[in-house]
C-alpha cells in the first residue's frame, strides 16, 4: 500500500530530524549540521516523490487538482522555506535559532503528516488501487 510506504518515509525523516535536534541540544554544531543535512536531503526527496509522482497520479485519476494536493504543496513550500532558515542558523553557528526554528518545522511537519496519513494517502490508495504497484515502484525508485 502507498500509505504504508509513505508513512514509513515520514517516520524515517522524523528520526533523522530528532538526531539533528539531539546534537543541537548537546551543543554539537558539527553533528547537528551533519544530521540536519541527512534529514534535509531525505525530506526534500520525500516531497519530490509526492509532487512528481503521487500527486499527479491522484489528480489525473480524481480530477481534484485544486483539492488536498494543493494544500499539501503549499505546506511543502513552507517546509522548504524553514529548511533554508534552519540551514542559515547552522551556518551562523546559532544552535538556539536552529532549535527554535526546529520547533516550528516539527509542528508543521507533524500536522502535515497527520493529514496525509489519515486522509490523503488512504484516498490515494482507494483512487489508485489498480495502479498502486506501479506507483509504489516509481516512488521507491525516484
Protein backbone atom coordinates (compact mmCIF):
# COMPACT_ATOMS: atom_id res chain seq x y z
CA UNK A 1 0.00 0.00 0.00
CA UNK A 2 1.08 3.52 -0.75
CA UNK A 3 0.04 4.61 2.74
CA UNK A 4 2.46 2.20 4.42
CA UNK A 5 5.43 3.15 2.25
CA UNK A 6 4.91 6.89 2.58
CA UNK A 7 4.14 6.71 6.32
CA UNK A 8 7.40 4.83 6.84
CA UNK A 9 9.21 7.60 4.99
CA UNK A 10 7.67 10.09 7.41
CA UNK A 11 9.00 8.08 10.35
CA UNK A 12 12.47 7.89 8.78
CA UNK A 13 12.51 11.68 8.32
CA UNK A 14 11.31 12.19 11.90
CA UNK A 15 14.18 10.05 13.21
CA UNK A 16 16.76 11.97 11.18
CA UNK A 17 15.43 15.30 12.44
CA UNK A 18 15.47 14.01 16.03
CA UNK A 19 19.17 13.21 15.55
CA UNK A 20 19.82 16.80 14.46
CA UNK A 21 17.85 18.23 17.37
CA UNK A 22 19.60 15.97 19.88
CA UNK A 23 23.01 17.05 18.60
CA UNK A 24 21.96 20.70 18.80
CA UNK A 25 20.70 20.24 22.37
CA UNK A 26 24.11 18.78 23.23
CA UNK A 27 25.83 21.81 21.72
CA UNK A 28 27.50 19.82 18.93
CA UNK A 29 27.29 22.10 15.90
CA UNK A 30 29.15 19.73 13.58
CA UNK A 31 26.98 16.75 14.46
CA UNK A 32 23.83 18.87 14.21
CA UNK A 33 24.91 20.08 10.78
CA UNK A 34 25.65 16.57 9.55
CA UNK A 35 22.40 15.13 10.89
CA UNK A 36 20.42 18.06 9.53
CA UNK A 37 21.95 17.59 6.07
CA UNK A 38 20.79 13.95 6.07
CA UNK A 39 17.33 14.99 7.23
CA UNK A 40 17.00 17.82 4.69
CA UNK A 41 18.01 15.51 1.83
CA UNK A 42 15.54 12.86 2.96
CA UNK A 43 12.70 15.35 3.37
CA UNK A 44 13.35 17.01 0.01
CA UNK A 45 13.37 13.58 -1.67
CA UNK A 46 10.09 12.67 0.02
CA UNK A 47 8.44 15.94 -1.03
CA UNK A 48 9.68 15.41 -4.59
CA UNK A 49 8.20 11.94 -4.93
CA UNK A 50 4.87 13.22 -3.70
CA UNK A 51 4.88 16.22 -6.04
CA UNK A 52 6.31 14.48 -9.09
CA UNK A 53 4.72 11.02 -8.86
CA UNK A 54 1.93 10.62 -6.29
CA UNK A 55 0.05 13.91 -6.57
CA UNK A 56 -0.08 13.99 -10.39
CA UNK A 57 -1.36 10.40 -10.50
CA UNK A 58 -4.00 11.16 -7.87
CA UNK A 59 -5.06 14.38 -9.62
CA UNK A 60 -5.27 12.67 -13.01
CA UNK A 61 -7.42 9.88 -11.58
CA UNK A 62 -9.73 12.03 -9.46
CA UNK A 63 -9.73 15.41 -11.22
CA UNK A 64 -9.07 17.08 -7.84
CA UNK A 65 -6.15 19.33 -8.82
CA UNK A 66 -7.27 22.14 -6.52
CA UNK A 67 -8.11 19.98 -3.54
CA UNK A 68 -6.00 18.26 -0.91
CA UNK A 69 -2.87 18.10 -3.05
CA UNK A 70 -2.90 21.89 -3.47
CA UNK A 71 -2.88 22.28 0.31
CA UNK A 72 -0.05 19.75 0.65
CA UNK A 73 2.01 21.57 -2.00
CA UNK A 74 1.54 24.87 -0.15
CA UNK A 75 2.75 23.25 3.06
CA UNK A 76 5.72 21.76 1.19
CA UNK A 77 6.74 25.30 0.21
CA UNK A 78 6.57 26.31 3.87
CA UNK A 79 8.74 23.32 4.83
CA UNK A 80 11.35 24.16 2.21
CA UNK A 81 11.47 27.75 3.46
CA UNK A 82 12.04 26.52 7.02
CA UNK A 83 14.77 24.14 5.79
CA UNK A 84 16.59 27.13 4.32
CA UNK A 85 16.18 29.11 7.55
CA UNK A 86 17.43 26.16 9.60
CA UNK A 87 20.49 25.85 7.38
CA UNK A 88 21.20 29.58 7.75
CA UNK A 89 21.01 29.22 11.53
CA UNK A 90 23.53 26.38 11.43
CA UNK A 91 25.77 28.30 9.05
CA UNK A 92 25.72 31.19 11.52
CA UNK A 93 26.55 28.81 14.36
CA UNK A 94 23.32 29.57 16.21
CA UNK A 95 22.04 26.39 17.78
CA UNK A 96 19.42 28.37 19.71
CA UNK A 97 17.95 29.72 16.47
CA UNK A 98 18.18 26.26 14.94
CA UNK A 99 16.25 24.73 17.82
CA UNK A 100 13.60 27.47 17.76
CA UNK A 101 13.05 27.08 14.04
CA UNK A 102 13.12 23.33 14.51
CA UNK A 103 10.12 23.54 16.82
CA UNK A 104 8.23 25.44 14.13
CA UNK A 105 9.18 22.92 11.46
CA UNK A 106 8.34 20.00 13.69
CA UNK A 107 4.86 21.35 14.42
CA UNK A 108 4.20 21.96 10.71
CA UNK A 109 5.52 18.54 9.70
CA UNK A 110 3.53 16.66 12.33
CA UNK A 111 0.26 18.36 11.34
CA UNK A 112 1.04 17.85 7.66
CA UNK A 113 1.92 14.17 8.14
CA UNK A 114 -1.28 13.55 10.08
CA UNK A 115 -3.38 14.96 7.21
CA UNK A 116 -1.52 12.86 4.68
CA UNK A 117 -1.52 9.66 6.70
CA UNK A 118 -5.14 9.86 7.85
CA UNK A 119 -6.74 11.42 4.79
CA UNK A 120 -4.71 11.86 1.61
CA UNK A 121 -2.77 8.60 1.49
CA UNK A 122 -5.86 6.43 2.10
CA UNK A 123 -7.64 8.46 -0.61
CA UNK A 124 -4.73 7.71 -2.93
CA UNK A 125 -4.85 4.01 -2.08
CA UNK A 126 -8.55 3.92 -2.93
CA UNK A 127 -8.34 6.05 -6.07
CA UNK A 128 -5.15 4.48 -7.43
CA UNK A 129 -5.69 0.90 -6.30
CA UNK A 130 -5.16 -0.66 -9.72
CA UNK A 131 -2.03 1.49 -10.23
CA UNK A 132 -0.68 1.08 -6.70
CA UNK A 133 2.01 -1.49 -7.52
CA UNK A 134 3.35 0.54 -10.44
CA UNK A 135 3.27 3.78 -8.43
CA UNK A 136 4.99 2.14 -5.48
CA UNK A 137 7.83 1.02 -7.75
CA UNK A 138 8.11 4.56 -9.12
CA UNK A 139 8.12 6.05 -5.63
CA UNK A 140 10.78 3.62 -4.43
CA UNK A 141 12.98 4.24 -7.46
CA UNK A 142 12.60 8.01 -7.58
